[in-house]
Amino acid sequence: MLPLKKSFLISVLLVCTSALLAQDIQFSQFYAVTPYQNPAYAGGAHALRFMAHGRYQWPGLDAKYVTGLFSVDNYFHKYNSGAGIIIMQDQQGYGDIKSTTVDLQYAYDLPITKDFSIRAGLQGGFANRTLDYSKLYYPSQVDENTGVVTQGLNGPSPSKNYFDISTGALLYSSKIWGGVSLHHINTPNQSFYGDRAPLPMKTAFTAGYRIVLDGGREMAYLHTADKIVLTPTVHYKMQGKNDQFDMGAYLMYEQILAGAWYRGIPLKRYGKGLHNNESVALSLGWLYNNWSFQYSIDFIVSQLSRVGTGGSHELNLTYVHHKTNKHKPLKRLPCPDFYRSQKHH
């Protein structure tokens, strides 16, 4: 027996398919999935890096949103370049709409002063989207007296393939950074039927500042371990008619990571009494040797909180393979991220 709530939500999902496909996935831990945010971050850890990231959105509703991401990137010192691959899959509902993307990235690192460097990145990828009609139900298929659900919709499940191109740039030092990225610059068509759903280009700006509150101690081979580091960050993105702003900070105390962010644009209104307030996210993480583990939860602060969405949950697991270099320092500054809080040369 299928709950009426699910049948209604899935019906709305089907009607709004074009609108849903026209927006990218947004992660609350945007600072932890930097290659996804900007291809200029490929190889940004100046080491071989593996990353697995998952987002489970609105578990309190029957129409769930589940996203999984896996990436590998590396830095090649001989060529001052970074390269990587990102594989991501997103499911809306109970697999009704499924999207799979594979993106290749390349970034070039160029020092411009003693303290500052600039990175330019390029990304090209392939995407596949499918719609499973057999999992879709309309309210008319549910008997109001017995609750019995008739068979799902029949017919072949449509599929759509397309190529995607993105680019980005990043200016950074060991303490401050700012970047801009342009995704879907070729505005690929996502429509299952015809050419009615071009994916709008997404423009995003990210910036942060690393504040060392306690410099800690000097380690062997010029390795420093900062004991307490506060990093305020901001992330603004706009795509089509929609835009969003994230602001907050994460704090590292030795091996413990904690953060808080607000998502929304308080001064913007969609209508009378309808403000652009989305969520507040809290995160907690742990660094152990070359590993980092981090969990975050979003608390909805918009009117959507009235229906009991259950918030959104994210889990990040990252491994950075640092090579011990006793004699020769790095020629380039590593891109700013919280791995620097534990290790840098």
Protein backbone atom coordinates (compact mmCIF):
# COMPACT_ATOMS: atom_id res chain seq x y z
CA MET A 1 0.00 0.00 0.00
CA LEU A 2 1.42 3.38 -0.99
CA PRO A 3 0.84 6.38 1.34
CA LEU A 4 -1.18 9.21 -0.18
CA LYS A 5 1.62 11.60 0.75
CA LYS A 6 4.04 9.74 -1.47
CA SER A 7 1.63 9.53 -4.38
CA PHE A 8 1.01 13.26 -4.19
CA LEU A 9 4.68 14.20 -3.89
CA ILE A 10 5.70 11.92 -6.73
CA SER A 11 2.96 13.41 -8.90
CA VAL A 12 4.32 16.87 -8.25
CA LEU A 13 7.80 15.52 -8.93
CA LEU A 14 6.75 14.28 -12.35
CA VAL A 15 5.03 17.51 -13.28
CA CYS A 16 8.08 19.53 -12.21
CA THR A 17 10.69 17.25 -13.77
CA SER A 18 12.06 19.94 -16.06
CA ALA A 19 12.48 22.41 -13.21
CA LEU A 20 14.16 19.86 -10.97
CA LEU A 21 16.61 18.80 -13.65
CA ALA A 22 17.57 22.42 -14.19
CA GLN A 23 19.32 22.80 -10.83
CA ASP A 24 22.60 21.39 -9.51
CA ILE A 25 23.11 19.50 -6.28
CA GLN A 26 24.26 21.76 -3.44
CA PHE A 27 26.31 20.40 -0.56
CA SER A 28 26.36 21.90 2.91
CA GLN A 29 30.00 20.80 3.28
CA PHE A 30 30.99 22.78 0.18
CA TYR A 31 34.47 23.37 1.66
CA ALA A 32 35.05 19.60 1.90
CA VAL A 33 34.21 18.84 -1.76
CA THR A 34 36.24 21.60 -3.36
CA PRO A 35 36.86 19.78 -6.70
CA TYR A 36 33.08 19.58 -7.19
CA GLN A 37 32.71 23.30 -6.50
CA ASN A 38 35.52 24.41 -8.81
CA PRO A 39 37.75 22.43 -11.23
CA ALA A 40 40.63 24.76 -10.30
CA TYR A 41 40.90 22.74 -7.05
CA ALA A 42 41.98 19.57 -8.92
CA GLY A 43 45.21 18.50 -7.23
CA GLY A 44 44.70 21.23 -4.65
CA ALA A 45 45.95 19.10 -1.76
CA HIS A 46 49.35 18.85 -3.53
CA ALA A 47 49.10 15.11 -2.97
CA LEU A 48 47.08 12.09 -4.04
CA ARG A 49 43.57 12.53 -2.58
CA PHE A 50 40.59 10.17 -2.41
CA MET A 51 37.17 11.46 -1.38
CA ALA A 52 33.78 9.86 -0.73
CA HIS A 53 30.82 12.09 0.07
CA GLY A 54 27.12 11.38 0.60
CA ARG A 55 24.04 13.55 1.13
CA TYR A 56 20.66 12.30 2.35
CA GLN A 57 18.06 15.05 2.05
CA TRP A 58 14.61 15.22 3.68
CA PRO A 59 14.32 11.66 5.06
CA GLY A 60 11.05 12.65 6.76
CA LEU A 61 9.33 12.83 3.37
CA ASP A 62 8.53 9.92 1.10
CA ALA A 63 10.17 11.65 -1.87
CA LYS A 64 13.81 11.34 -0.78
CA TYR A 65 16.89 12.84 -2.37
CA VAL A 66 20.09 10.77 -2.10
CA THR A 67 23.41 11.83 -3.63
CA GLY A 68 26.74 10.00 -3.64
CA LEU A 69 30.07 11.38 -4.86
CA PHE A 70 33.49 9.77 -5.28
CA SER A 71 36.57 11.60 -6.52
CA VAL A 72 40.29 11.06 -7.00
CA ASP A 73 42.76 13.83 -7.77
CA ASN A 74 46.52 14.24 -7.71
CA TYR A 75 49.17 16.94 -8.14
CA PHE A 76 52.05 16.52 -10.61
CA HIS A 77 54.93 18.70 -9.40
CA LYS A 78 56.96 18.34 -12.60
CA TYR A 79 54.17 19.98 -14.62
CA ASN A 80 52.73 22.32 -11.95
CA SER A 81 49.41 20.66 -12.69
CA GLY A 82 46.59 18.81 -11.00
CA ALA A 83 44.18 16.30 -12.51
CA GLY A 84 41.22 14.37 -11.21
CA ILE A 85 37.99 12.52 -11.83
CA ILE A 86 34.59 12.91 -10.14
CA ILE A 87 31.84 10.30 -10.29
CA MET A 88 28.46 11.30 -8.86
CA GLN A 89 25.00 9.76 -8.75
CA ASP A 90 21.82 11.45 -7.60
CA GLN A 91 18.42 9.81 -6.98
CA GLN A 92 15.15 11.66 -6.51
CA GLY A 93 12.19 9.86 -4.98
CA TYR A 94 12.74 6.10 -4.79
CA GLY A 95 15.00 6.05 -7.81
CA ASP A 96 12.27 7.53 -10.00
CA ILE A 97 14.72 10.05 -11.46
CA LYS A 98 18.37 9.03 -11.47
CA SER A 99 21.35 11.07 -12.67
CA THR A 100 24.92 9.82 -13.13
CA THR A 101 27.83 12.08 -14.08
CA VAL A 102 31.51 11.42 -14.77
CA ASP A 103 33.78 14.48 -14.98
CA LEU A 104 37.49 14.81 -15.79
CA GLN A 105 39.39 17.81 -14.42
CA TYR A 106 42.67 19.57 -15.10
CA ALA A 107 44.18 22.57 -13.28
CA TYR A 108 47.39 24.55 -13.78
CA ASP A 109 49.15 26.23 -10.85
CA LEU A 110 51.00 29.49 -11.51
CA PRO A 111 52.79 31.61 -8.85
CA ILE A 112 52.33 35.35 -9.43
CA THR A 113 54.11 36.76 -6.33
CA LYS A 114 56.10 35.37 -3.43
CA ASP A 115 52.92 34.79 -1.42
CA PHE A 116 50.15 34.42 -4.00
CA SER A 117 49.43 31.86 -6.70
CA ILE A 118 46.65 31.49 -9.21
CA ARG A 119 45.03 28.33 -10.51
CA ALA A 120 42.98 27.84 -13.67
CA GLY A 121 40.89 24.72 -14.15
CA LEU A 122 38.92 23.03 -16.91
CA GLN A 123 36.34 20.25 -16.63
CA GLY A 124 34.67 18.07 -19.23
CA GLY A 125 32.18 15.35 -18.48
CA PHE A 126 29.42 12.98 -19.53
CA ALA A 127 25.99 12.72 -17.89
CA ASN A 128 23.15 10.22 -18.06
CA ARG A 129 19.62 10.78 -16.67
CA THR A 130 16.81 8.26 -16.52
CA LEU A 131 13.15 8.35 -15.49
CA ASP A 132 11.51 5.11 -14.28
CA TYR A 133 7.79 5.33 -15.02
CA SER A 134 7.03 2.10 -13.14
CA LYS A 135 7.81 3.84 -9.84
CA LEU A 136 5.52 6.81 -10.43
CA TYR A 137 1.97 6.98 -9.07
CA TYR A 138 -0.84 9.51 -9.27
CA PRO A 139 -3.53 10.04 -6.60
CA SER A 140 -6.09 8.66 -9.06
CA GLN A 141 -4.36 5.27 -8.78
CA VAL A 142 -5.04 5.03 -5.04
CA ASP A 143 -8.45 3.76 -3.85
CA GLU A 144 -9.60 6.24 -1.19
CA ASN A 145 -11.58 3.55 0.66
CA THR A 146 -9.15 0.63 0.68
CA GLY A 147 -5.83 2.38 0.08
CA VAL A 148 -5.02 -0.19 -2.62
CA VAL A 149 -2.68 1.11 -5.32
CA THR A 150 -3.13 0.02 -8.88
CA GLN A 151 -0.20 -0.81 -11.11
CA GLY A 152 2.31 1.94 -11.85
CA LEU A 153 2.54 3.73 -15.14
CA ASN A 154 3.49 1.61 -18.13
CA GLY A 155 5.77 2.44 -20.98
CA PRO A 156 9.51 2.58 -21.66
CA SER A 157 11.68 4.55 -19.25
CA PRO A 158 13.28 7.45 -21.10
CA SER A 159 17.01 8.15 -20.89
CA LYS A 160 19.06 11.23 -21.75
CA ASN A 161 22.82 11.53 -22.38
CA TYR A 162 24.77 14.75 -22.81
CA PHE A 163 28.24 16.29 -22.53
CA ASP A 164 29.04 19.06 -20.07
CA ILE A 165 31.84 21.66 -19.88
CA SER A 166 32.89 23.78 -16.89
CA THR A 167 35.79 26.01 -15.90
CA GLY A 168 37.09 27.92 -12.90
CA ALA A 169 39.88 30.03 -11.40
CA LEU A 170 41.33 30.41 -7.91
CA LEU A 171 43.58 33.05 -6.32
CA TYR A 172 45.16 32.03 -3.02
CA SER A 173 47.91 32.35 -0.46
CA SER A 174 48.57 30.35 2.68
CA LYS A 175 45.92 32.37 4.56
CA ILE A 176 43.31 33.72 2.15
CA TRP A 177 41.66 32.56 -1.05
CA GLY A 178 38.89 33.38 -3.46
CA GLY A 179 37.59 31.58 -6.51
CA VAL A 180 35.00 31.73 -9.26
CA SER A 181 33.60 28.84 -11.30
CA LEU A 182 31.34 28.56 -14.34
CA HIS A 183 29.52 25.24 -14.71
CA HIS A 184 27.53 24.07 -17.77
CA ILE A 185 28.92 26.80 -20.00
CA ASN A 186 27.58 24.85 -22.99
CA THR A 187 24.05 24.80 -21.41
CA PRO A 188 23.41 21.13 -22.35
CA ASN A 189 19.87 19.95 -23.00
CA GLN A 190 18.48 17.70 -20.25
CA SER A 191 14.99 17.16 -21.61
CA PHE A 192 13.82 13.58 -22.09
CA TYR A 193 11.67 14.81 -24.98
CA GLY A 194 12.86 17.47 -27.41
CA ASP A 195 15.02 20.41 -26.40
CA ARG A 196 12.81 22.09 -23.81
CA ALA A 197 15.09 21.83 -20.76
CA PRO A 198 18.55 23.38 -21.26
CA LEU A 199 20.62 23.27 -18.09
CA PRO A 200 21.34 26.90 -17.10
CA MET A 201 24.93 27.92 -16.50
CA LYS A 202 25.81 28.08 -12.82
CA THR A 203 28.15 30.78 -11.54
CA ALA A 204 29.67 30.37 -8.08
CA PHE A 205 31.99 32.45 -5.89
CA THR A 206 33.86 31.02 -2.91
CA ALA A 207 36.19 32.75 -0.45
CA GLY A 208 37.78 32.07 2.90
CA TYR A 209 40.34 33.28 5.40
CA ARG A 210 42.48 31.10 7.64
CA ILE A 211 43.07 32.54 11.12
CA VAL A 212 45.64 30.79 13.36
CA LEU A 213 44.56 31.31 16.96
CA ASP A 214 47.29 29.09 18.42
CA GLY A 215 50.36 28.37 16.31
CA GLY A 216 51.12 25.18 18.18
CA ARG A 217 54.64 23.84 17.82
CA GLU A 218 57.37 23.24 15.27
CA MET A 219 57.78 19.63 14.20
CA ALA A 220 60.65 17.84 12.50
CA TYR A 221 61.59 18.70 8.89
CA LEU A 222 59.94 22.15 9.15
CA HIS A 223 56.50 20.56 9.61
CA THR A 224 54.19 22.73 11.69
CA ALA A 225 51.08 21.68 13.51
CA ASP A 226 48.70 24.55 14.22
CA LYS A 227 46.74 23.80 17.36
CA ILE A 228 43.70 26.08 16.90
CA VAL A 229 42.60 27.43 13.51
CA LEU A 230 39.41 29.35 12.67
CA THR A 231 38.39 29.55 8.99
CA PRO A 232 35.43 31.77 7.99
CA THR A 233 34.08 30.89 4.53
CA VAL A 234 31.40 32.15 2.15
CA HIS A 235 29.87 30.53 -0.92
CA TYR A 236 27.48 32.26 -3.33
CA LYS A 237 25.95 30.57 -6.36
CA MET A 238 23.37 31.53 -8.96
CA GLN A 239 21.75 29.38 -11.62
CA GLY A 240 18.88 30.46 -13.82
CA LYS A 241 16.44 32.47 -11.71
CA ASN A 242 17.71 31.04 -8.42
CA ASP A 243 20.59 32.06 -6.19
CA GLN A 244 21.82 31.04 -2.75
CA PHE A 245 24.35 32.23 -0.19
CA ASP A 246 26.19 30.18 2.45
CA MET A 247 28.24 31.80 5.19
CA GLY A 248 29.86 30.37 8.29
CA ALA A 249 33.11 29.02 9.67
CA TYR A 250 34.83 25.88 10.78
CA LEU A 251 37.12 25.60 13.78
CA MET A 252 39.93 23.09 14.15
CA TYR A 253 41.21 22.29 17.63
CA GLU A 254 44.10 19.86 17.24
CA GLN A 255 42.33 16.92 15.55
CA ILE A 256 38.72 17.99 16.10
CA LEU A 257 36.75 19.89 13.45
CA ALA A 258 33.52 21.79 14.16
CA GLY A 259 31.57 24.19 11.99
CA ALA A 260 28.35 26.15 11.59
CA TRP A 261 26.78 27.73 8.49
CA TYR A 262 23.68 29.64 7.49
CA ARG A 263 22.13 29.22 4.04
CA GLY A 264 19.84 31.88 2.68
CA ILE A 265 19.54 35.52 1.64
CA PRO A 266 17.53 37.19 4.46
CA LEU A 267 16.91 40.44 2.58
CA LYS A 268 15.49 38.65 -0.45
CA ARG A 269 11.79 37.77 -0.68
CA TYR A 270 10.04 35.43 -3.07
CA GLY A 271 6.70 36.95 -2.14
CA LYS A 272 4.82 38.64 0.69
CA GLY A 273 5.99 37.09 3.95
CA LEU A 274 8.13 34.53 2.10
CA HIS A 275 11.81 35.16 2.85
CA ASN A 276 14.84 33.40 1.41
CA ASN A 277 15.75 31.51 4.59
CA GLU A 278 16.65 27.89 3.99
CA SER A 279 18.68 26.16 6.69
CA VAL A 280 21.32 26.20 9.39
CA ALA A 281 24.01 23.51 9.16
CA LEU A 282 26.20 22.15 11.96
CA SER A 283 29.19 19.88 11.39
CA LEU A 284 31.60 17.80 13.44
CA GLY A 285 34.71 16.03 12.21
CA TRP A 286 37.91 14.27 13.20
CA LEU A 287 41.37 14.23 11.63
CA TYR A 288 43.48 11.11 12.06
CA ASN A 289 46.84 10.91 10.30
CA ASN A 290 46.00 11.28 6.60
CA TRP A 291 42.27 10.66 7.10
CA SER A 292 39.43 13.07 7.79
CA PHE A 293 35.86 12.16 8.78
CA GLN A 294 33.08 14.72 8.91
CA TYR A 295 29.33 14.67 9.51
CA SER A 296 26.89 17.55 9.12
CA ILE A 297 23.17 18.06 9.58
CA ASP A 298 20.93 20.78 8.15
CA PHE A 299 18.09 22.21 10.22
CA ILE A 300 15.37 23.70 7.99
CA VAL A 301 14.41 27.25 8.99
CA SER A 302 12.06 27.98 6.08
CA GLN A 303 8.32 27.27 5.98
CA LEU A 304 9.19 23.79 4.76
CA SER A 305 10.04 22.92 8.39
CA ARG A 306 6.29 22.65 9.11
CA VAL A 307 5.99 19.37 7.20
CA GLY A 308 8.76 17.60 9.13
CA THR A 309 11.40 17.00 6.45
CA GLY A 310 13.95 15.49 8.84
CA GLY A 311 16.58 17.94 7.61
CA SER A 312 19.54 16.87 5.49
CA HIS A 313 22.55 14.76 6.43
CA GLU A 314 26.02 14.61 4.90
CA LEU A 315 29.03 12.40 5.54
CA ASN A 316 32.49 13.01 4.12
CA LEU A 317 35.48 10.66 4.17
CA THR A 318 38.76 11.93 2.72
CA TYR A 319 42.22 10.39 2.50
CA VAL A 320 45.25 12.47 1.49
CA HIS A 321 48.46 10.57 0.78
CA HIS A 322 51.18 12.93 2.01
CA LYS A 323 54.70 11.97 1.05
CA THR A 324 57.46 12.73 3.55
CA ASN A 325 59.94 15.13 1.98
CA LYS A 326 62.90 15.76 4.25
CA HIS A 327 65.05 17.92 2.00
CA LYS A 328 63.09 19.51 -0.82
CA PRO A 329 60.15 21.82 0.02
CA LEU A 330 57.10 22.17 -2.16
CA LYS A 331 57.53 24.58 -5.04
CA ARG A 332 53.89 25.68 -4.86
CA LEU A 333 51.63 26.59 -2.00
CA PRO A 334 48.92 24.01 -1.44
CA CYS A 335 45.36 25.19 -1.99
CA PRO A 336 43.69 26.32 1.23
CA ASP A 337 41.52 23.71 2.89
CA PHE A 338 41.35 22.21 6.33
CA TYR A 339 44.03 19.61 5.53
CA ARG A 340 46.52 22.46 5.91
CA SER A 341 45.41 22.78 9.51
CA GLN A 342 46.96 19.43 10.26
CA LYS A 343 49.80 19.17 7.72
CA HIS A 344 51.72 21.49 5.52
CA HIS A 345 55.32 21.89 4.45
